[in-house]
Amino acid sequence: MTQNFKALVLTYKTAPVAIREQVSLNEEASKKLLNFIRDYTAATDVLVVSTCNRTEVYYLAEKDFSTEIFKGLSLLKAIEPGFEAHFSNFSGQAAVQHLFDVAIGLDAQVIGDLQISGQVKNAYQWSADENMAGPFLHRLMHTIFFVNKRVVQETSFRDGAASISYAAKELAEDLTAGLTAPKVLVVGVGEIGQDVCLNLVHSRLKEVKILNRTPEKAEKLAQRCGFSFGTIDQLASEIAKADIVISSVSGNQPLITRELLDHVKILSHKYFIDLSMPRSIESAIEEVPGTLVYNLDDIREKTNEAVEKRKASIPHVQAIIQEVIADFEDWSKEMIVTPTIQKLKNTLEQIRKEELARFLKNAKPEEAERLEEMSRSLMQKILKYPVLQLKAACKRGDAESLSEVLNELFNLEGQPEKSKH
């Protein structure tokens, strides 16, 4: 079955931000695309993964349905043709390998990114919600979850903070470790500011306020994260309340200055994390007693160590993936003979019941119970050898010929593929 698995892939490697924004899909849009694919193609086991760095569609089908899927994406997002050129096509084992690389974090912009694993899991849930996750996708996704667990347990691939935003979240937690309910102020909701907020959602820091020059953007992000928001003219008063300030504002001049802090009453330690380039926090504010500033160089030192550690773990991670993919391939090949096995089981079960009925007419209850048990055991023993041979034939690549022999021997063509028992 793996040979029929396909992937349409657009990532930060193949498309600029403007294109990625055009084809980006939220949960509602992803589910609409899943329904479009179900209604207008014969594809099954469909997975739609869409983040700020990628939009990817995986599906199982003998035919290539990329034209139809692009049509659905175009209608759904109201975009003109041309975006298709930024997509790559993978099929078979290459598509399986790519999904593993994405879900584990090997293909992430920040290597080992844990967030992408959660996003792939959400995409799988959406497929299940829309009844688009078949046996192949279920098995594939649970295999990926198993690999994720092994990677965490057996390697250093997820250790440390490898992204600027995640490192800022960790630093904020460390700096406020001694505070009961620390207050965090996030200034600016560009790409880094958004990532910081999304990382803070999963931290112990719950009292977070977002400020932005465009309040609508701050409100939208705050609603998504469960935080409060305000306008940039509240900057001085909000700094006064905050224990830690994280700024990622673009501009040629610092937004948070020594002069601004002269109007802020500082009762205890106040920490500033500047993620902007050029810097948005004036270094001179450290002259104010009780303040401490961390800039990008401080953060990058922490992330560089984590990245190198993660890179060193890549061969081990790849070895785990290859080992598990080999097992998945064996299962996928065995799926080809599943209908034959089921038909054989149905045929033998029918024979068992017919013969059992003849002997049970005059049998006592205890004799009937023993006959039932004996006949079931006998059927399982008869089934065992042909099933093992079929599975072995799958690995050799000649399952089709053995299936034909069994079909002729037991006249299986008239049997249903699934038993109700």
Protein backbone atom coordinates (compact mmCIF):
# COMPACT_ATOMS: atom_id res chain seq x y z
CA MET A 1 0.00 0.00 0.00
CA THR A 2 2.92 2.34 0.65
CA GLN A 3 3.53 2.72 -3.08
CA ASN A 4 0.14 4.50 -3.35
CA PHE A 5 0.88 7.00 -0.57
CA LYS A 6 1.42 10.52 -1.93
CA ALA A 7 2.34 13.95 -0.58
CA LEU A 8 1.99 17.51 -1.88
CA VAL A 9 4.55 19.59 0.02
CA LEU A 10 5.08 23.35 0.30
CA THR A 11 7.55 24.56 2.95
CA TYR A 12 9.74 27.51 3.94
CA LYS A 13 12.39 25.88 1.72
CA THR A 14 10.30 26.16 -1.46
CA ALA A 15 8.05 29.19 -0.94
CA PRO A 16 8.38 32.75 0.41
CA VAL A 17 6.22 34.00 3.28
CA ALA A 18 3.73 35.65 0.88
CA ILE A 19 2.94 32.32 -0.80
CA ARG A 20 2.87 30.42 2.52
CA GLU A 21 0.33 32.92 3.83
CA GLN A 22 -1.88 32.41 0.76
CA VAL A 23 -2.15 28.65 1.17
CA SER A 24 -2.11 28.53 4.98
CA LEU A 25 -5.09 26.65 6.46
CA ASN A 26 -6.62 26.85 9.93
CA GLU A 27 -8.66 24.00 11.43
CA GLU A 28 -11.90 25.02 9.68
CA ALA A 29 -10.22 25.40 6.29
CA SER A 30 -8.30 22.14 6.70
CA LYS A 31 -11.54 20.27 7.36
CA LYS A 32 -13.16 21.91 4.33
CA LEU A 33 -10.28 20.74 2.15
CA LEU A 34 -10.59 17.23 3.60
CA ASN A 35 -14.27 17.22 2.65
CA PHE A 36 -13.50 18.54 -0.84
CA ILE A 37 -10.98 15.74 -1.40
CA ARG A 38 -13.51 13.17 -0.18
CA ASP A 39 -16.26 14.53 -2.46
CA TYR A 40 -14.23 15.07 -5.63
CA THR A 41 -11.53 12.38 -5.58
CA ALA A 42 -11.13 8.70 -4.75
CA ALA A 43 -8.33 9.43 -2.28
CA THR A 44 -8.47 7.94 1.21
CA ASP A 45 -6.37 8.28 4.39
CA VAL A 46 -5.96 12.04 3.89
CA LEU A 47 -3.89 14.26 6.19
CA VAL A 48 -3.69 18.06 5.86
CA VAL A 49 -0.80 19.69 7.78
CA SER A 50 -0.61 23.49 7.73
CA THR A 51 1.64 25.71 9.87
CA CYS A 52 3.38 29.07 9.41
CA ASN A 53 6.23 27.19 7.69
CA ARG A 54 4.39 24.59 5.58
CA THR A 55 1.19 23.40 3.96
CA GLU A 56 1.18 19.70 3.07
CA VAL A 57 -1.45 17.22 1.89
CA TYR A 58 -0.91 13.46 2.24
CA TYR A 59 -3.28 10.90 0.74
CA LEU A 60 -3.58 7.27 -0.37
CA ALA A 61 -4.63 6.59 -3.98
CA GLU A 62 -3.47 4.75 -7.07
CA LYS A 63 -4.09 7.87 -9.18
CA ASP A 64 -2.39 11.27 -8.83
CA PHE A 65 -5.04 13.73 -7.59
CA SER A 66 -2.77 16.77 -7.28
CA THR A 67 -4.73 18.72 -9.93
CA GLU A 68 -8.00 18.21 -8.08
CA ILE A 69 -6.44 19.05 -4.69
CA PHE A 70 -4.89 22.25 -6.06
CA LYS A 71 -8.30 23.16 -7.49
CA GLY A 72 -9.89 22.70 -4.08
CA LEU A 73 -7.17 24.77 -2.40
CA SER A 74 -7.59 27.52 -4.99
CA LEU A 75 -11.38 27.66 -4.48
CA LEU A 76 -11.11 27.47 -0.71
CA LYS A 77 -8.54 30.25 -0.38
CA ALA A 78 -9.68 32.31 -3.40
CA ILE A 79 -6.16 32.44 -4.86
CA GLU A 80 -5.06 32.65 -8.47
CA PRO A 81 -3.21 29.77 -10.18
CA GLY A 82 0.57 29.82 -9.90
CA PHE A 83 1.00 28.75 -6.29
CA GLU A 84 1.17 25.12 -7.47
CA ALA A 85 4.73 25.65 -8.71
CA HIS A 86 5.92 25.96 -5.11
CA PHE A 87 4.68 22.46 -4.20
CA SER A 88 6.83 19.34 -4.44
CA ASN A 89 5.38 15.89 -5.13
CA PHE A 90 6.47 12.82 -3.17
CA SER A 91 5.16 9.30 -3.54
CA GLY A 92 5.67 5.90 -2.00
CA GLN A 93 8.43 5.52 0.55
CA ALA A 94 9.61 9.10 -0.08
CA ALA A 95 6.22 10.42 1.09
CA VAL A 96 6.31 8.22 4.20
CA GLN A 97 9.87 9.31 4.96
CA HIS A 98 8.96 12.98 4.57
CA LEU A 99 6.03 12.73 6.98
CA PHE A 100 8.33 11.10 9.55
CA ASP A 101 10.92 13.87 9.06
CA VAL A 102 8.25 16.55 9.52
CA ALA A 103 6.54 14.99 12.54
CA ILE A 104 9.79 14.21 14.36
CA GLY A 105 11.29 17.66 13.66
CA LEU A 106 14.10 16.75 11.24
CA ASP A 107 12.57 18.97 8.55
CA ALA A 108 11.66 21.81 10.92
CA GLN A 109 13.11 25.30 10.55
CA VAL A 110 14.22 24.90 14.16
CA ILE A 111 15.62 21.38 14.29
CA GLY A 112 13.82 19.14 16.75
CA ASP A 113 10.95 21.62 17.09
CA LEU A 114 8.42 20.04 19.46
CA GLN A 115 5.59 22.31 18.28
CA ILE A 116 5.38 20.63 14.85
CA SER A 117 4.72 17.26 16.51
CA GLY A 118 1.63 18.71 18.18
CA GLN A 119 0.50 20.32 14.92
CA VAL A 120 0.76 16.99 13.05
CA LYS A 121 -1.20 15.31 15.85
CA ASN A 122 -3.92 17.97 15.52
CA ALA A 123 -4.04 17.40 11.76
CA TYR A 124 -4.52 13.68 12.37
CA GLN A 125 -7.40 14.42 14.77
CA TRP A 126 -9.06 16.59 12.10
CA SER A 127 -8.78 13.74 9.60
CA ALA A 128 -10.39 11.40 12.12
CA ASP A 129 -13.13 13.97 12.81
CA GLU A 130 -14.01 14.06 9.10
CA ASN A 131 -13.78 10.26 8.69
CA MET A 132 -10.78 10.58 6.39
CA ALA A 133 -8.34 8.54 8.48
CA GLY A 134 -8.35 4.93 7.26
CA PRO A 135 -6.38 1.88 8.48
CA PHE A 136 -3.21 2.95 6.64
CA LEU A 137 -3.12 6.45 8.15
CA HIS A 138 -4.07 5.19 11.62
CA ARG A 139 -1.18 2.71 11.57
CA LEU A 140 1.25 5.27 10.11
CA MET A 141 0.41 7.96 12.67
CA HIS A 142 0.64 5.65 15.66
CA THR A 143 3.98 4.43 14.32
CA ILE A 144 5.12 8.06 14.22
CA PHE A 145 3.92 8.61 17.80
CA PHE A 146 5.92 5.55 18.84
CA VAL A 147 9.05 6.94 17.15
CA ASN A 148 8.53 10.31 18.86
CA LYS A 149 8.48 8.56 22.22
CA ARG A 150 11.67 6.64 21.43
CA VAL A 151 13.42 9.81 20.24
CA VAL A 152 12.64 11.55 23.53
CA GLN A 153 13.69 8.56 25.62
CA GLU A 154 16.78 7.45 23.69
CA THR A 155 18.33 10.64 22.23
CA SER A 156 19.16 14.28 23.03
CA PHE A 157 17.26 15.46 19.95
CA ARG A 158 14.65 17.38 21.96
CA ASP A 159 16.96 18.67 24.69
CA GLY A 160 17.44 22.38 25.29
CA ALA A 161 15.90 25.47 23.70
CA ALA A 162 16.75 25.54 19.99
CA SER A 163 14.52 28.45 18.90
CA ILE A 164 14.81 32.08 19.95
CA SER A 165 11.18 32.22 21.10
CA TYR A 166 11.37 28.97 23.05
CA ALA A 167 14.66 30.04 24.65
CA ALA A 168 13.01 33.31 25.68
CA LYS A 169 10.18 31.35 27.31
CA GLU A 170 12.66 29.17 29.21
CA LEU A 171 14.68 32.20 30.31
CA ALA A 172 11.51 33.93 31.52
CA GLU A 173 10.61 30.86 33.57
CA ASP A 174 14.12 30.69 35.07
CA LEU A 175 14.20 34.39 35.98
CA THR A 176 10.82 34.27 37.70
CA ALA A 177 11.27 30.89 39.40
CA GLY A 178 11.07 32.45 42.86
CA LEU A 179 7.86 34.39 42.19
CA THR A 180 4.42 33.01 43.00
CA ALA A 181 2.40 34.58 40.16
CA PRO A 182 4.82 36.46 37.89
CA LYS A 183 3.43 38.95 35.39
CA VAL A 184 4.74 38.88 31.83
CA LEU A 185 4.43 41.66 29.26
CA VAL A 186 4.96 40.77 25.58
CA VAL A 187 5.50 43.78 23.30
CA GLY A 188 5.08 43.21 19.55
CA VAL A 189 3.27 40.38 17.76
CA GLY A 190 5.42 39.82 14.70
CA GLU A 191 6.51 36.27 13.88
CA ILE A 192 8.82 36.01 16.91
CA GLY A 193 6.33 37.70 19.24
CA GLN A 194 3.62 35.28 18.16
CA ASP A 195 5.92 32.31 18.71
CA VAL A 196 6.84 33.59 22.17
CA CYS A 197 3.14 33.82 23.11
CA LEU A 198 2.38 30.35 21.73
CA ASN A 199 5.28 28.94 23.77
CA LEU A 200 4.08 30.77 26.89
CA VAL A 201 0.70 29.03 26.57
CA HIS A 202 2.44 25.80 27.60
CA SER A 203 4.47 27.36 30.43
CA ARG A 204 3.81 28.01 34.11
CA LEU A 205 3.58 31.75 33.30
CA LYS A 206 -0.16 32.39 33.12
CA GLU A 207 -0.46 36.16 33.70
CA VAL A 208 0.54 37.44 30.27
CA LYS A 209 -0.44 40.72 28.61
CA ILE A 210 0.20 41.52 24.93
CA LEU A 211 0.78 45.02 23.56
CA ASN A 212 1.04 45.93 19.90
CA ARG A 213 0.90 49.02 17.69
CA THR A 214 -2.04 47.39 15.88
CA PRO A 215 -4.41 46.42 18.73
CA GLU A 216 -6.47 44.13 16.47
CA LYS A 217 -3.48 41.81 16.05
CA ALA A 218 -2.84 41.83 19.80
CA GLU A 219 -6.50 41.02 20.47
CA LYS A 220 -6.56 38.15 17.97
CA LEU A 221 -3.41 36.55 19.42
CA ALA A 222 -4.58 37.14 23.01
CA GLN A 223 -7.87 35.36 22.31
CA ARG A 224 -6.01 32.44 20.76
CA CYS A 225 -3.67 32.12 23.76
CA GLY A 226 -6.04 33.04 26.57
CA PHE A 227 -4.06 36.16 27.51
CA SER A 228 -5.06 39.82 27.98
CA PHE A 229 -4.10 42.59 25.53
CA GLY A 230 -3.74 46.35 25.25
CA THR A 231 -2.45 49.19 23.08
CA ILE A 232 1.10 50.46 22.86
CA ASP A 233 0.23 53.74 24.61
CA GLN A 234 -0.16 51.66 27.79
CA LEU A 235 3.51 50.66 27.62
CA ALA A 236 4.81 52.61 30.64
CA SER A 237 1.96 51.59 32.96
CA GLU A 238 2.17 47.91 31.90
CA ILE A 239 5.97 47.83 32.36
CA ALA A 240 5.37 49.09 35.89
CA LYS A 241 3.12 46.08 36.60
CA ALA A 242 5.25 43.43 34.86
CA ASP A 243 7.98 41.32 36.39
CA ILE A 244 9.40 40.45 32.99
CA VAL A 245 9.14 42.27 29.65
CA ILE A 246 9.75 40.48 26.33
CA SER A 247 10.06 42.79 23.33
CA SER A 248 10.26 41.90 19.64
CA VAL A 249 9.30 45.22 18.05
CA SER A 250 10.77 46.25 14.70
CA GLY A 251 12.12 49.78 14.28
CA ASN A 252 15.26 51.86 13.93
CA GLN A 253 15.07 53.34 17.43
CA PRO A 254 14.55 51.62 20.81
CA LEU A 255 10.94 51.62 22.00
CA ILE A 256 11.77 51.00 25.67
CA THR A 257 14.22 53.67 26.78
CA ARG A 258 15.92 54.92 29.94
CA GLU A 259 13.75 58.02 29.71
CA LEU A 260 10.58 55.90 29.66
CA LEU A 261 11.73 54.02 32.77
CA ASP A 262 12.34 57.27 34.63
CA HIS A 263 8.54 57.48 34.80
CA VAL A 264 8.16 53.88 36.03
CA LYS A 265 8.30 53.08 39.72
CA ILE A 266 10.37 49.89 40.18
CA LEU A 267 9.64 48.22 43.50
CA SER A 268 11.56 44.98 42.89
CA HIS A 269 13.66 43.32 40.20
CA LYS A 270 12.43 43.75 36.65
CA TYR A 271 13.81 41.73 33.75
CA PHE A 272 13.85 42.70 30.07
CA ILE A 273 14.36 40.26 27.17
CA ASP A 274 15.09 41.98 23.84
CA LEU A 275 14.45 39.75 20.80
CA SER A 276 14.59 42.62 18.27
CA MET A 277 17.22 43.49 15.69
CA PRO A 278 17.87 46.44 15.74
CA ARG A 279 17.36 46.37 19.51
CA SER A 280 14.06 47.70 20.84
CA ILE A 281 15.27 48.03 24.47
CA GLU A 282 17.89 50.65 25.22
CA SER A 283 20.87 49.11 27.01
CA ALA A 284 21.11 52.20 29.25
CA ILE A 285 18.03 51.05 31.19
CA GLU A 286 20.31 48.70 33.12
CA GLU A 287 21.52 51.86 34.90
CA VAL A 288 18.14 51.90 36.62
CA PRO A 289 18.46 49.97 39.91
CA GLY A 290 16.66 46.61 39.86
CA THR A 291 16.65 46.14 36.06
CA LEU A 292 18.48 43.54 33.99
CA VAL A 293 18.50 43.23 30.18
CA TYR A 294 19.06 40.09 28.07
CA ASN A 295 19.57 40.54 24.32
CA LEU A 296 19.71 38.27 21.26
CA ASP A 297 23.37 37.38 21.80
CA ASP A 298 22.55 36.05 25.27
CA ILE A 299 19.65 34.02 23.86
CA ARG A 300 21.58 32.73 20.82
CA GLU A 301 24.36 31.37 23.00
CA LYS A 302 21.78 29.19 24.69
CA THR A 303 20.15 28.11 21.42
CA ASN A 304 23.45 27.37 19.64
CA GLU A 305 24.41 24.87 22.34
CA ALA A 306 21.03 23.15 22.01
CA VAL A 307 21.20 23.08 18.19
CA GLU A 308 24.65 21.47 18.19
CA LYS A 309 23.48 18.88 20.70
CA ARG A 310 20.43 18.12 18.57
CA LYS A 311 22.48 17.89 15.37
CA ALA A 312 24.76 15.35 17.01
CA SER A 313 21.67 13.19 17.70
CA ILE A 314 20.44 13.18 14.07
CA PRO A 315 22.14 9.88 13.05
CA HIS A 316 20.57 8.13 16.04
CA VAL A 317 17.15 9.60 15.24
CA GLN A 318 17.44 8.58 11.58
CA ALA A 319 18.41 5.04 12.61
CA ILE A 320 15.29 4.76 14.79
CA ILE A 321 13.12 6.05 11.92
CA GLN A 322 14.60 3.60 9.41
CA GLU A 323 14.11 0.68 11.78
CA VAL A 324 10.47 1.54 12.35
CA ILE A 325 9.76 2.34 8.68
CA ALA A 326 11.04 -1.15 7.77
CA ASP A 327 8.48 -2.67 10.17
CA PHE A 328 5.78 -0.40 8.77
CA GLU A 329 6.68 -1.49 5.22
CA ASP A 330 6.24 -5.14 6.23
CA TRP A 331 2.81 -4.34 7.68
CA SER A 332 1.87 -2.37 4.56
CA LYS A 333 2.76 -5.30 2.32
CA GLU A 334 0.74 -7.65 4.50
CA MET A 335 -2.29 -5.38 4.00
CA ILE A 336 -2.36 -6.62 0.39
CA VAL A 337 -3.18 -10.18 1.49
CA THR A 338 -5.60 -9.18 4.27
CA PRO A 339 -8.70 -9.68 2.05
CA THR A 340 -7.49 -13.19 1.12
CA ILE A 341 -6.86 -14.08 4.77
CA GLN A 342 -10.30 -12.77 5.75
CA LYS A 343 -12.00 -14.75 2.96
CA LEU A 344 -10.15 -17.89 4.02
CA LYS A 345 -11.24 -17.36 7.63
CA ASN A 346 -14.84 -16.86 6.50
CA THR A 347 -14.79 -20.04 4.39
CA LEU A 348 -13.37 -22.18 7.18
CA GLU A 349 -15.76 -20.67 9.70
CA GLN A 350 -18.72 -21.50 7.45
CA ILE A 351 -17.52 -25.11 7.09
CA ARG A 352 -16.97 -25.35 10.87
CA LYS A 353 -20.47 -24.12 11.66
CA GLU A 354 -22.14 -26.39 9.10
CA GLU A 355 -20.34 -29.49 10.37
CA LEU A 356 -20.82 -28.52 13.99
CA ALA A 357 -24.57 -28.14 13.45
CA ARG A 358 -24.77 -31.76 12.27
CA PHE A 359 -23.15 -33.11 15.44
CA LEU A 360 -24.95 -30.83 17.89
CA LYS A 361 -28.45 -32.07 17.12
CA ASN A 362 -28.35 -34.85 19.73
CA ALA A 363 -25.43 -33.58 21.82
CA LYS A 364 -25.62 -32.77 25.51
CA PRO A 365 -24.81 -29.17 26.62
CA GLU A 366 -21.39 -30.13 27.99
CA GLU A 367 -20.61 -32.04 24.78
CA ALA A 368 -21.70 -29.06 22.67
CA GLU A 369 -19.36 -26.77 24.61
CA ARG A 370 -16.40 -29.13 24.09
CA LEU A 371 -17.16 -29.52 20.39
CA GLU A 372 -17.35 -25.73 19.98
CA GLU A 373 -13.99 -25.27 21.69
CA MET A 374 -12.33 -28.14 19.79
CA SER A 375 -13.59 -26.99 16.38
CA ARG A 376 -12.42 -23.41 16.93
CA SER A 377 -8.98 -24.63 18.00
CA LEU A 378 -8.79 -26.90 14.96
CA MET A 379 -9.73 -24.04 12.62
CA GLN A 380 -7.02 -21.78 14.10
CA LYS A 381 -4.38 -24.49 13.58
CA ILE A 382 -5.47 -25.02 9.97
CA LEU A 383 -5.34 -21.26 9.34
CA LYS A 384 -1.96 -20.71 10.93
CA TYR A 385 0.24 -22.18 8.20
CA PRO A 386 -1.34 -20.50 5.11
CA VAL A 387 -1.44 -17.15 6.96
CA LEU A 388 2.26 -17.42 7.84
CA GLN A 389 3.07 -18.40 4.25
CA LEU A 390 1.09 -15.44 2.90
CA LYS A 391 2.95 -13.01 5.17
CA ALA A 392 6.28 -14.52 4.19
CA ALA A 393 5.29 -14.22 0.52
CA CYS A 394 4.63 -10.50 1.10
CA LYS A 395 8.24 -9.98 2.14
CA ARG A 396 9.45 -11.95 -0.90
CA GLY A 397 7.17 -9.95 -3.19
CA ASP A 398 5.18 -12.92 -4.55
CA ALA A 399 2.04 -12.70 -2.38
CA GLU A 400 -0.17 -12.25 -5.42
CA SER A 401 0.59 -15.71 -6.87
CA LEU A 402 0.03 -17.45 -3.52
CA SER A 403 -3.24 -15.57 -3.05
CA GLU A 404 -4.43 -16.84 -6.43
CA VAL A 405 -3.60 -20.43 -5.46
CA LEU A 406 -5.55 -20.14 -2.20
CA ASN A 407 -8.47 -18.52 -4.03
CA GLU A 408 -8.64 -21.49 -6.42
CA LEU A 409 -8.12 -24.16 -3.75
CA PHE A 410 -10.82 -22.87 -1.42
CA ASN A 411 -13.05 -21.12 -3.99
CA LEU A 412 -12.73 -17.81 -2.11
CA GLU A 413 -13.90 -15.42 -4.83
CA GLY A 414 -17.51 -15.66 -3.71
CA GLN A 415 -16.66 -14.94 -0.08
CA PRO A 416 -17.09 -11.50 1.57
CA GLU A 417 -13.91 -9.70 2.63
CA LYS A 418 -15.09 -9.00 6.19
CA SER A 419 -16.67 -11.31 8.66
CA LYS A 420 -19.33 -10.14 11.08
CA HIS A 421 -17.89 -12.44 13.74
